[in-house]
Amino acid sequence: MNYSVQQRVFMYDSYVKYSSWKKCVQKFSQKYPGFTLPSKSTIYRIVRQVHRTGTVLDKKRNRRRHVLTEEVLDDIGAQLEANPNISMRKVASQCGVSKSSAHVARILLNKQSLDCEVRSWSTMNAQHNKDNCVSADLLQDKTETQTEPPAEIADPREHEQSMTDVKMSPVDSIKVYFKTLTQ
């Protein structure tokens, strides 16, 4: 169990005062009723920690250093663009990072470029769909002056070659398709 700093200080002080882990547990139960009682090893660990470090506080955790800054990513990206077949070892040595950092950077850069490609493809696809979208109002307003396809063509998607021979506009081909469905 994780004890608060105040509880750990109390355990250390009572152990030093009474020189007995059992007496320390008794005093702890009186002062902090309802809390889990510390074990013998917990008390000894806290005492050892205070003798070794001078504090009951947990030691500071070492944070991982981040070497992949924007500048390093740009540098690695430039190296990879200049020579796509370059080894990660050469990229790492030229950019001053480890091989694993260079590898992670390559993965990040590929992911970013894929995201951009997907976004641009989605944008182009949406624009394409928007351009080719035909409303029912346009179909009704369109005049019947353009040539009709041969009567034997029921589904324009099945006979693309025949439809191109007739030279119909996309609006007319959709119109013909809907007419065949309603008949």
N, C-alpha and C. Protein backbone atom coordinates (compact mmCIF):
# COMPACT_ATOMS: atom_id res chain seq x y z
N MET A 1 0.84 -1.18 0.00
CA MET A 1 0.00 0.00 0.00
C MET A 1 0.88 1.24 0.00
N ASN A 2 0.40 2.29 -0.65
CA ASN A 2 1.12 3.56 -0.66
C ASN A 2 0.70 4.38 0.54
N TYR A 3 1.66 4.73 1.35
CA TYR A 3 1.40 5.55 2.53
C TYR A 3 1.74 6.99 2.21
N SER A 4 1.03 7.92 2.87
CA SER A 4 1.31 9.34 2.66
C SER A 4 2.67 9.67 3.27
N VAL A 5 3.18 10.84 2.92
CA VAL A 5 4.46 11.29 3.45
C VAL A 5 4.37 11.41 4.97
N GLN A 6 3.26 11.93 5.46
CA GLN A 6 3.07 12.10 6.90
C GLN A 6 3.09 10.74 7.61
N GLN A 7 2.45 9.73 7.02
CA GLN A 7 2.45 8.39 7.62
C GLN A 7 3.84 7.78 7.60
N ARG A 8 4.59 7.98 6.53
CA ARG A 8 5.95 7.44 6.46
C ARG A 8 6.87 8.10 7.48
N VAL A 9 6.70 9.40 7.66
CA VAL A 9 7.50 10.11 8.68
C VAL A 9 7.16 9.58 10.06
N PHE A 10 5.86 9.34 10.31
CA PHE A 10 5.45 8.79 11.60
C PHE A 10 6.06 7.41 11.83
N MET A 11 6.05 6.55 10.80
CA MET A 11 6.65 5.21 10.93
C MET A 11 8.14 5.32 11.26
N TYR A 12 8.85 6.19 10.57
CA TYR A 12 10.28 6.34 10.82
C TYR A 12 10.53 6.85 12.24
N ASP A 13 9.80 7.90 12.63
CA ASP A 13 10.00 8.47 13.97
C ASP A 13 9.70 7.46 15.06
N SER A 14 8.58 6.70 14.91
CA SER A 14 8.26 5.72 15.96
C SER A 14 9.26 4.57 15.98
N TYR A 15 9.78 4.17 14.85
CA TYR A 15 10.78 3.11 14.86
C TYR A 15 12.06 3.59 15.56
N VAL A 16 12.49 4.81 15.26
CA VAL A 16 13.69 5.37 15.88
C VAL A 16 13.47 5.54 17.38
N LYS A 17 12.29 5.97 17.77
CA LYS A 17 11.99 6.22 19.18
C LYS A 17 11.94 4.92 19.99
N TYR A 18 11.27 3.88 19.45
CA TYR A 18 11.06 2.65 20.21
C TYR A 18 12.01 1.52 19.80
N SER A 19 12.69 1.65 18.69
CA SER A 19 13.60 0.62 18.16
C SER A 19 12.92 -0.74 18.03
N SER A 20 11.63 -0.72 17.68
CA SER A 20 10.89 -1.97 17.53
C SER A 20 9.84 -1.77 16.44
N TRP A 21 9.86 -2.67 15.47
CA TRP A 21 8.87 -2.56 14.41
C TRP A 21 7.48 -2.89 14.94
N LYS A 22 7.37 -3.79 15.97
CA LYS A 22 6.07 -4.14 16.54
C LYS A 22 5.45 -2.94 17.25
N LYS A 23 6.26 -2.22 18.01
CA LYS A 23 5.78 -1.03 18.71
C LYS A 23 5.38 0.04 17.69
N CYS A 24 6.12 0.11 16.62
CA CYS A 24 5.81 1.06 15.54
C CYS A 24 4.44 0.76 14.94
N VAL A 25 4.13 -0.53 14.72
CA VAL A 25 2.84 -0.93 14.16
C VAL A 25 1.72 -0.58 15.15
N GLN A 26 1.95 -0.81 16.46
CA GLN A 26 0.95 -0.48 17.48
C GLN A 26 0.65 1.02 17.47
N LYS A 27 1.67 1.84 17.48
CA LYS A 27 1.50 3.29 17.48
C LYS A 27 0.81 3.76 16.20
N PHE A 28 1.16 3.11 15.09
CA PHE A 28 0.53 3.47 13.81
C PHE A 28 -0.96 3.17 13.85
N SER A 29 -1.34 2.00 14.40
CA SER A 29 -2.77 1.64 14.47
C SER A 29 -3.54 2.59 15.39
N GLN A 30 -2.89 3.11 16.43
CA GLN A 30 -3.56 4.06 17.33
C GLN A 30 -3.72 5.43 16.65
N LYS A 31 -2.70 5.85 15.95
CA LYS A 31 -2.75 7.18 15.32
C LYS A 31 -3.61 7.18 14.05
N TYR A 32 -3.55 6.09 13.27
CA TYR A 32 -4.28 6.00 11.99
C TYR A 32 -5.21 4.79 12.00
N PRO A 33 -6.31 4.85 12.75
CA PRO A 33 -7.23 3.71 12.75
C PRO A 33 -7.93 3.61 11.39
N GLY A 34 -8.15 2.39 10.95
CA GLY A 34 -8.82 2.17 9.67
C GLY A 34 -7.87 2.04 8.49
N PHE A 35 -6.62 2.40 8.66
CA PHE A 35 -5.64 2.24 7.59
C PHE A 35 -5.01 0.86 7.67
N THR A 36 -4.54 0.38 6.55
CA THR A 36 -3.82 -0.89 6.52
C THR A 36 -2.53 -0.73 7.31
N LEU A 37 -2.28 -1.69 8.19
CA LEU A 37 -1.08 -1.61 9.03
C LEU A 37 0.16 -1.94 8.20
N PRO A 38 1.26 -1.23 8.45
CA PRO A 38 2.48 -1.51 7.69
C PRO A 38 3.10 -2.83 8.15
N SER A 39 3.72 -3.50 7.21
CA SER A 39 4.40 -4.75 7.55
C SER A 39 5.81 -4.44 8.06
N LYS A 40 6.44 -5.48 8.55
CA LYS A 40 7.82 -5.35 9.05
C LYS A 40 8.75 -4.87 7.93
N SER A 41 8.58 -5.47 6.76
CA SER A 41 9.45 -5.10 5.64
C SER A 41 9.20 -3.66 5.18
N THR A 42 7.97 -3.19 5.28
CA THR A 42 7.67 -1.80 4.91
C THR A 42 8.38 -0.83 5.84
N ILE A 43 8.31 -1.10 7.12
CA ILE A 43 8.97 -0.23 8.11
C ILE A 43 10.48 -0.24 7.89
N TYR A 44 11.06 -1.42 7.71
CA TYR A 44 12.50 -1.51 7.48
C TYR A 44 12.90 -0.81 6.17
N ARG A 45 12.07 -0.93 5.16
CA ARG A 45 12.36 -0.28 3.88
C ARG A 45 12.38 1.24 4.04
N ILE A 46 11.41 1.79 4.78
CA ILE A 46 11.34 3.24 5.00
C ILE A 46 12.55 3.71 5.82
N VAL A 47 12.90 2.96 6.86
CA VAL A 47 14.06 3.33 7.68
C VAL A 47 15.33 3.29 6.83
N ARG A 48 15.50 2.25 6.02
CA ARG A 48 16.67 2.12 5.15
C ARG A 48 16.71 3.27 4.14
N GLN A 49 15.54 3.64 3.61
CA GLN A 49 15.48 4.72 2.64
C GLN A 49 15.90 6.05 3.27
N VAL A 50 15.46 6.31 4.51
CA VAL A 50 15.83 7.56 5.19
C VAL A 50 17.33 7.58 5.47
N HIS A 51 17.90 6.44 5.89
CA HIS A 51 19.34 6.39 6.17
C HIS A 51 20.15 6.56 4.88
N ARG A 52 19.65 6.02 3.78
CA ARG A 52 20.37 6.08 2.52
C ARG A 52 20.23 7.43 1.83
N THR A 53 19.00 7.98 1.78
CA THR A 53 18.75 9.20 1.00
C THR A 53 18.49 10.43 1.86
N GLY A 54 18.11 10.23 3.12
CA GLY A 54 17.81 11.35 3.99
C GLY A 54 16.39 11.86 3.86
N THR A 55 15.54 11.16 3.14
CA THR A 55 14.16 11.60 2.95
C THR A 55 13.22 10.40 2.85
N VAL A 56 11.94 10.65 3.15
CA VAL A 56 10.94 9.59 2.99
C VAL A 56 10.22 9.74 1.65
N LEU A 57 10.55 10.80 0.93
CA LEU A 57 9.91 11.02 -0.36
C LEU A 57 10.39 10.00 -1.37
N ASP A 58 9.50 9.68 -2.33
CA ASP A 58 9.90 8.78 -3.40
C ASP A 58 10.94 9.47 -4.27
N LYS A 59 11.86 8.67 -4.82
CA LYS A 59 12.89 9.29 -5.63
C LYS A 59 12.29 9.75 -6.96
N LYS A 60 12.88 10.78 -7.49
CA LYS A 60 12.40 11.37 -8.72
C LYS A 60 12.60 10.39 -9.86
N ARG A 61 11.57 10.19 -10.62
CA ARG A 61 11.65 9.29 -11.77
C ARG A 61 12.35 10.01 -12.92
N ASN A 62 13.20 9.27 -13.59
CA ASN A 62 13.87 9.84 -14.75
C ASN A 62 12.90 9.84 -15.93
N ARG A 63 12.72 11.01 -16.48
CA ARG A 63 11.83 11.16 -17.61
C ARG A 63 12.61 10.87 -18.88
N ARG A 64 11.93 10.22 -19.82
CA ARG A 64 12.59 9.96 -21.10
C ARG A 64 12.85 11.26 -21.82
N ARG A 65 14.02 11.37 -22.37
CA ARG A 65 14.36 12.56 -23.14
C ARG A 65 13.76 12.43 -24.53
N HIS A 66 13.28 13.53 -25.03
CA HIS A 66 12.69 13.54 -26.36
C HIS A 66 13.67 14.21 -27.32
N VAL A 67 14.19 13.42 -28.25
CA VAL A 67 15.16 13.96 -29.19
C VAL A 67 14.52 14.27 -30.54
N LEU A 68 13.32 13.79 -30.77
CA LEU A 68 12.67 14.02 -32.05
C LEU A 68 11.89 15.34 -32.02
N THR A 69 12.63 16.41 -32.12
CA THR A 69 12.02 17.73 -32.18
C THR A 69 11.60 18.02 -33.62
N GLU A 70 10.92 19.13 -33.82
CA GLU A 70 10.49 19.52 -35.16
C GLU A 70 11.69 19.66 -36.10
N GLU A 71 12.77 20.25 -35.59
CA GLU A 71 13.96 20.46 -36.43
C GLU A 71 14.57 19.13 -36.85
N VAL A 72 14.66 18.19 -35.90
CA VAL A 72 15.24 16.88 -36.21
C VAL A 72 14.35 16.14 -37.21
N LEU A 73 13.03 16.20 -37.01
CA LEU A 73 12.11 15.54 -37.95
C LEU A 73 12.24 16.15 -39.34
N ASP A 74 12.35 17.48 -39.42
CA ASP A 74 12.53 18.13 -40.72
C ASP A 74 13.84 17.70 -41.37
N ASP A 75 14.90 17.60 -40.57
CA ASP A 75 16.20 17.19 -41.08
C ASP A 75 16.15 15.75 -41.61
N ILE A 76 15.53 14.86 -40.84
CA ILE A 76 15.42 13.46 -41.27
C ILE A 76 14.53 13.37 -42.51
N GLY A 77 13.44 14.14 -42.53
CA GLY A 77 12.57 14.15 -43.71
C GLY A 77 13.30 14.62 -44.95
N ALA A 78 14.15 15.64 -44.81
CA ALA A 78 14.94 16.13 -45.94
C ALA A 78 15.92 15.07 -46.43
N GLN A 79 16.55 14.36 -45.48
CA GLN A 79 17.48 13.29 -45.85
C GLN A 79 16.75 12.19 -46.63
N LEU A 80 15.57 11.82 -46.15
CA LEU A 80 14.82 10.74 -46.80
C LEU A 80 14.27 11.17 -48.16
N GLU A 81 13.91 12.44 -48.30
CA GLU A 81 13.44 12.92 -49.60
C GLU A 81 14.58 12.98 -50.61
N ALA A 82 15.75 13.39 -50.15
CA ALA A 82 16.89 13.50 -51.04
C ALA A 82 17.33 12.12 -51.54
N ASN A 83 17.29 11.14 -50.67
CA ASN A 83 17.69 9.79 -51.05
C ASN A 83 16.77 8.79 -50.35
N PRO A 84 15.69 8.35 -51.00
CA PRO A 84 14.74 7.45 -50.35
C PRO A 84 15.33 6.08 -50.00
N ASN A 85 16.42 5.70 -50.64
CA ASN A 85 17.02 4.38 -50.39
C ASN A 85 18.14 4.42 -49.36
N ILE A 86 18.30 5.53 -48.67
CA ILE A 86 19.37 5.67 -47.68
C ILE A 86 19.06 4.79 -46.47
N SER A 87 20.11 4.24 -45.87
CA SER A 87 19.91 3.38 -44.71
C SER A 87 19.63 4.21 -43.47
N MET A 88 18.95 3.61 -42.52
CA MET A 88 18.63 4.31 -41.27
C MET A 88 19.91 4.61 -40.49
N ARG A 89 20.93 3.77 -40.65
CA ARG A 89 22.20 4.01 -39.97
C ARG A 89 22.82 5.32 -40.47
N LYS A 90 22.80 5.53 -41.80
CA LYS A 90 23.36 6.76 -42.35
C LYS A 90 22.53 7.98 -41.95
N VAL A 91 21.21 7.83 -41.99
CA VAL A 91 20.34 8.94 -41.58
C VAL A 91 20.62 9.30 -40.13
N ALA A 92 20.75 8.28 -39.28
CA ALA A 92 20.99 8.52 -37.86
C ALA A 92 22.33 9.23 -37.64
N SER A 93 23.36 8.77 -38.33
CA SER A 93 24.67 9.39 -38.13
C SER A 93 24.70 10.81 -38.68
N GLN A 94 24.05 11.06 -39.81
CA GLN A 94 24.05 12.40 -40.39
C GLN A 94 23.22 13.39 -39.58
N CYS A 95 22.16 12.89 -38.91
CA CYS A 95 21.28 13.79 -38.14
C CYS A 95 21.64 13.82 -36.66
N GLY A 96 22.55 12.95 -36.23
CA GLY A 96 22.98 12.97 -34.84
C GLY A 96 21.99 12.36 -33.86
N VAL A 97 21.24 11.36 -34.31
CA VAL A 97 20.30 10.67 -33.42
C VAL A 97 20.60 9.17 -33.49
N SER A 98 19.98 8.41 -32.61
CA SER A 98 20.18 6.97 -32.63
C SER A 98 19.43 6.35 -33.81
N LYS A 99 19.81 5.10 -34.13
CA LYS A 99 19.14 4.41 -35.23
C LYS A 99 17.66 4.22 -34.92
N SER A 100 17.35 3.90 -33.66
CA SER A 100 15.94 3.69 -33.31
C SER A 100 15.15 5.00 -33.40
N SER A 101 15.77 6.12 -33.03
CA SER A 101 15.09 7.41 -33.16
C SER A 101 14.87 7.75 -34.64
N ALA A 102 15.84 7.44 -35.48
CA ALA A 102 15.69 7.68 -36.91
C ALA A 102 14.57 6.82 -37.48
N HIS A 103 14.49 5.58 -37.01
CA HIS A 103 13.43 4.68 -37.47
C HIS A 103 12.06 5.20 -37.04
N VAL A 104 11.94 5.63 -35.79
CA VAL A 104 10.67 6.18 -35.29
C VAL A 104 10.31 7.44 -36.09
N ALA A 105 11.29 8.26 -36.39
CA ALA A 105 11.04 9.48 -37.17
C ALA A 105 10.52 9.12 -38.56
N ARG A 106 11.12 8.11 -39.18
CA ARG A 106 10.65 7.69 -40.51
C ARG A 106 9.20 7.23 -40.45
N ILE A 107 8.86 6.47 -39.40
CA ILE A 107 7.48 6.01 -39.24
C ILE A 107 6.54 7.20 -39.06
N LEU A 108 6.95 8.15 -38.21
CA LEU A 108 6.12 9.34 -37.99
C LEU A 108 5.94 10.14 -39.28
N LEU A 109 7.02 10.30 -40.02
CA LEU A 109 6.94 11.06 -41.27
C LEU A 109 6.07 10.35 -42.29
N ASN A 110 6.16 9.02 -42.38
CA ASN A 110 5.31 8.27 -43.30
C ASN A 110 3.85 8.39 -42.89
N LYS A 111 3.58 8.34 -41.59
CA LYS A 111 2.21 8.46 -41.11
C LYS A 111 1.65 9.84 -41.45
N GLN A 112 2.46 10.88 -41.28
CA GLN A 112 2.01 12.23 -41.60
C GLN A 112 1.72 12.36 -43.09
N SER A 113 2.59 11.79 -43.93
CA SER A 113 2.37 11.91 -45.37
C SER A 113 1.15 11.10 -45.79
N LEU A 114 0.93 9.94 -45.16
CA LEU A 114 -0.27 9.17 -45.47
C LEU A 114 -1.53 9.92 -45.06
N ASP A 115 -1.50 10.57 -43.90
CA ASP A 115 -2.64 11.36 -43.46
C ASP A 115 -2.93 12.47 -44.46
N CYS A 116 -1.87 13.12 -44.95
CA CYS A 116 -2.06 14.19 -45.93
C CYS A 116 -2.63 13.64 -47.23
N GLU A 117 -2.13 12.47 -47.67
CA GLU A 117 -2.64 11.88 -48.90
C GLU A 117 -4.10 11.50 -48.75
N VAL A 118 -4.45 10.93 -47.60
CA VAL A 118 -5.84 10.54 -47.39
C VAL A 118 -6.73 11.77 -47.37
N ARG A 119 -6.27 12.83 -46.70
CA ARG A 119 -7.07 14.05 -46.65
C ARG A 119 -7.23 14.64 -48.04
N SER A 120 -6.14 14.70 -48.81
CA SER A 120 -6.24 15.29 -50.14
C SER A 120 -7.09 14.41 -51.05
N TRP A 121 -6.97 13.09 -50.94
CA TRP A 121 -7.80 12.21 -51.74
C TRP A 121 -9.26 12.37 -51.36
N SER A 122 -9.54 12.47 -50.05
CA SER A 122 -10.92 12.66 -49.61
C SER A 122 -11.46 13.98 -50.13
N THR A 123 -10.65 15.01 -50.10
CA THR A 123 -11.09 16.31 -50.59
C THR A 123 -11.36 16.24 -52.08
N MET A 124 -10.45 15.60 -52.83
CA MET A 124 -10.66 15.48 -54.26
C MET A 124 -11.89 14.63 -54.55
N ASN A 125 -12.07 13.55 -53.80
CA ASN A 125 -13.22 12.68 -54.02
C ASN A 125 -14.51 13.42 -53.71
N ALA A 126 -14.51 14.20 -52.63
CA ALA A 126 -15.71 14.96 -52.28
C ALA A 126 -16.01 15.99 -53.36
N GLN A 127 -14.96 16.64 -53.89
CA GLN A 127 -15.17 17.62 -54.95
C GLN A 127 -15.68 16.93 -56.20
N HIS A 128 -15.13 15.75 -56.52
CA HIS A 128 -15.56 15.00 -57.69
C HIS A 128 -17.02 14.61 -57.53
N ASN A 129 -17.40 14.11 -56.36
CA ASN A 129 -18.79 13.73 -56.12
C ASN A 129 -19.70 14.94 -56.20
N LYS A 130 -19.22 16.07 -55.69
CA LYS A 130 -20.02 17.29 -55.73
C LYS A 130 -20.23 17.74 -57.17
N ASP A 131 -19.17 17.64 -58.00
CA ASP A 131 -19.28 18.06 -59.39
C ASP A 131 -20.20 17.14 -60.18
N ASN A 132 -20.20 15.85 -59.85
CA ASN A 132 -20.99 14.88 -60.61
C ASN A 132 -22.37 14.65 -60.02
N CYS A 133 -22.70 15.35 -58.97
CA CYS A 133 -23.99 15.17 -58.32
C CYS A 133 -25.07 15.82 -59.18
N VAL A 134 -26.12 15.08 -59.42
CA VAL A 134 -27.22 15.59 -60.24
C VAL A 134 -28.48 15.54 -59.40
N SER A 135 -29.14 16.66 -59.29
CA SER A 135 -30.38 16.67 -58.51
C SER A 135 -31.54 16.27 -59.40
N ALA A 136 -32.62 15.88 -58.77
CA ALA A 136 -33.83 15.47 -59.50
C ALA A 136 -34.41 16.65 -60.27
N ASP A 137 -34.25 17.87 -59.76
CA ASP A 137 -34.76 19.06 -60.44
C ASP A 137 -34.08 19.23 -61.79
N LEU A 138 -32.76 19.01 -61.83
CA LEU A 138 -32.05 19.15 -63.10
C LEU A 138 -32.51 18.10 -64.10
N LEU A 139 -32.78 16.90 -63.62
CA LEU A 139 -33.25 15.85 -64.52
C LEU A 139 -34.61 16.20 -65.11
N GLN A 140 -35.49 16.79 -64.34
CA GLN A 140 -36.82 17.13 -64.83
C GLN A 140 -36.76 18.32 -65.77
N ASP A 141 -35.86 19.27 -65.51
CA ASP A 141 -35.78 20.47 -66.33
C ASP A 141 -35.06 20.23 -67.65
N LYS A 142 -34.29 19.19 -67.73
CA LYS A 142 -33.49 18.91 -68.93
C LYS A 142 -34.43 18.58 -70.09
N THR A 143 -34.17 19.15 -71.23
CA THR A 143 -35.04 18.89 -72.39
C THR A 143 -34.68 17.56 -73.02
N GLU A 144 -35.59 17.03 -73.80
CA GLU A 144 -35.43 15.72 -74.43
C GLU A 144 -34.80 15.83 -75.82
N THR A 145 -34.07 16.88 -76.10
CA THR A 145 -33.57 17.09 -77.46
C THR A 145 -32.36 16.23 -77.79
N GLN A 146 -31.65 15.72 -76.80
CA GLN A 146 -30.45 14.95 -77.10
C GLN A 146 -30.84 13.54 -77.52
N THR A 147 -29.91 12.87 -78.17
CA THR A 147 -30.21 11.55 -78.71
C THR A 147 -30.44 10.54 -77.61
N GLU A 148 -31.35 9.65 -77.83
CA GLU A 148 -31.65 8.59 -76.89
C GLU A 148 -30.80 7.38 -77.24
N PRO A 149 -30.43 6.56 -76.26
CA PRO A 149 -29.65 5.36 -76.56
C PRO A 149 -30.55 4.31 -77.21
N PRO A 150 -29.94 3.32 -77.79
CA PRO A 150 -30.74 2.24 -78.38
C PRO A 150 -31.65 1.61 -77.33
N ALA A 151 -32.80 1.14 -77.73
CA ALA A 151 -33.80 0.61 -76.81
C ALA A 151 -33.33 -0.66 -76.11
N GLU A 152 -32.41 -1.42 -76.72
CA GLU A 152 -31.97 -2.68 -76.09
C GLU A 152 -31.07 -2.47 -74.88
N ILE A 153 -30.60 -1.26 -74.64
CA ILE A 153 -29.74 -0.99 -73.50
C ILE A 153 -30.61 -0.70 -72.29
N ALA A 154 -30.57 -1.59 -71.30
CA ALA A 154 -31.40 -1.42 -70.11
C ALA A 154 -30.61 -0.74 -68.99
N ASP A 155 -29.37 -1.14 -68.80
CA ASP A 155 -28.56 -0.58 -67.71
C ASP A 155 -27.32 0.05 -68.32
N PRO A 156 -27.16 1.36 -68.22
CA PRO A 156 -26.00 2.00 -68.84
C PRO A 156 -24.67 1.52 -68.28
N ARG A 157 -24.64 1.05 -67.03
CA ARG A 157 -23.39 0.59 -66.45
C ARG A 157 -22.92 -0.70 -67.09
N GLU A 158 -23.83 -1.50 -67.60
CA GLU A 158 -23.44 -2.77 -68.22
C GLU A 158 -22.94 -2.58 -69.64
N HIS A 159 -23.30 -1.50 -70.28
CA HIS A 159 -22.95 -1.30 -71.68
C HIS A 159 -22.23 0.02 -71.86
N GLU A 160 -21.11 0.17 -71.20
CA GLU A 160 -20.39 1.44 -71.27
C GLU A 160 -19.91 1.74 -72.68
N GLN A 161 -19.49 0.71 -73.40
CA GLN A 161 -19.01 0.92 -74.76
C GLN A 161 -20.14 1.44 -75.64
N SER A 162 -21.31 0.85 -75.54
CA SER A 162 -22.45 1.29 -76.34
C SER A 162 -22.84 2.71 -75.98
N MET A 163 -22.75 3.05 -74.69
CA MET A 163 -23.13 4.39 -74.26
C MET A 163 -22.14 5.43 -74.79
N THR A 164 -20.87 5.07 -74.86
CA THR A 164 -19.91 6.04 -75.37
C THR A 164 -20.09 6.24 -76.87
N ASP A 165 -20.54 5.20 -77.56
CA ASP A 165 -20.79 5.35 -78.99
C ASP A 165 -21.91 6.34 -79.24
N VAL A 166 -22.90 6.37 -78.35
CA VAL A 166 -24.05 7.25 -78.52
C VAL A 166 -23.68 8.69 -78.16
N LYS A 167 -22.63 8.90 -77.36
CA LYS A 167 -22.16 10.22 -76.94
C LYS A 167 -23.23 10.96 -76.16
N MET A 168 -23.65 10.36 -75.06
CA MET A 168 -24.64 10.99 -74.19
C MET A 168 -23.94 11.74 -73.07
N SER A 169 -24.59 12.75 -72.58
CA SER A 169 -24.07 13.45 -71.41
C SER A 169 -24.36 12.60 -70.18
N PRO A 170 -23.63 12.80 -69.09
CA PRO A 170 -23.90 12.03 -67.87
C PRO A 170 -25.33 12.21 -67.37
N VAL A 171 -25.87 13.40 -67.54
CA VAL A 171 -27.24 13.66 -67.09
C VAL A 171 -28.22 12.79 -67.88
N ASP A 172 -28.02 12.73 -69.21
CA ASP A 172 -28.93 11.93 -70.04
C ASP A 172 -28.80 10.44 -69.75
N SER A 173 -27.59 9.96 -69.49
CA SER A 173 -27.44 8.54 -69.20
C SER A 173 -28.13 8.18 -67.89
N ILE A 174 -28.07 9.06 -66.91
CA ILE A 174 -28.78 8.81 -65.65
C ILE A 174 -30.28 8.84 -65.90
N LYS A 175 -30.70 9.77 -66.72
CA LYS A 175 -32.12 9.90 -67.05
C LYS A 175 -32.63 8.61 -67.70
N VAL A 176 -31.86 8.09 -68.66
CA VAL A 176 -32.25 6.85 -69.34
C VAL A 176 -32.28 5.70 -68.36
N TYR A 177 -31.33 5.65 -67.49
CA TYR A 177 -31.28 4.57 -66.50
C TYR A 177 -32.52 4.61 -65.62
N PHE A 178 -32.91 5.81 -65.15
CA PHE A 178 -34.09 5.91 -64.30
C PHE A 178 -35.37 5.57 -65.07
N LYS A 179 -35.41 5.94 -66.35
CA LYS A 179 -36.58 5.59 -67.16
C LYS A 179 -36.73 4.08 -67.27
N THR A 180 -35.62 3.37 -67.46
CA THR A 180 -35.70 1.91 -67.58
C THR A 180 -36.11 1.27 -66.27
N LEU A 181 -35.78 1.88 -65.17
CA LEU A 181 -36.18 1.33 -63.87
C LEU A 181 -37.67 1.50 -63.64
N THR A 182 -38.23 2.61 -64.10
CA THR A 182 -39.66 2.86 -63.86
C THR A 182 -40.55 2.12 -64.83
N GLN A 183 -40.01 1.61 -65.91
CA GLN A 183 -40.85 0.90 -66.89
C GLN A 183 -41.10 -0.52 -66.48
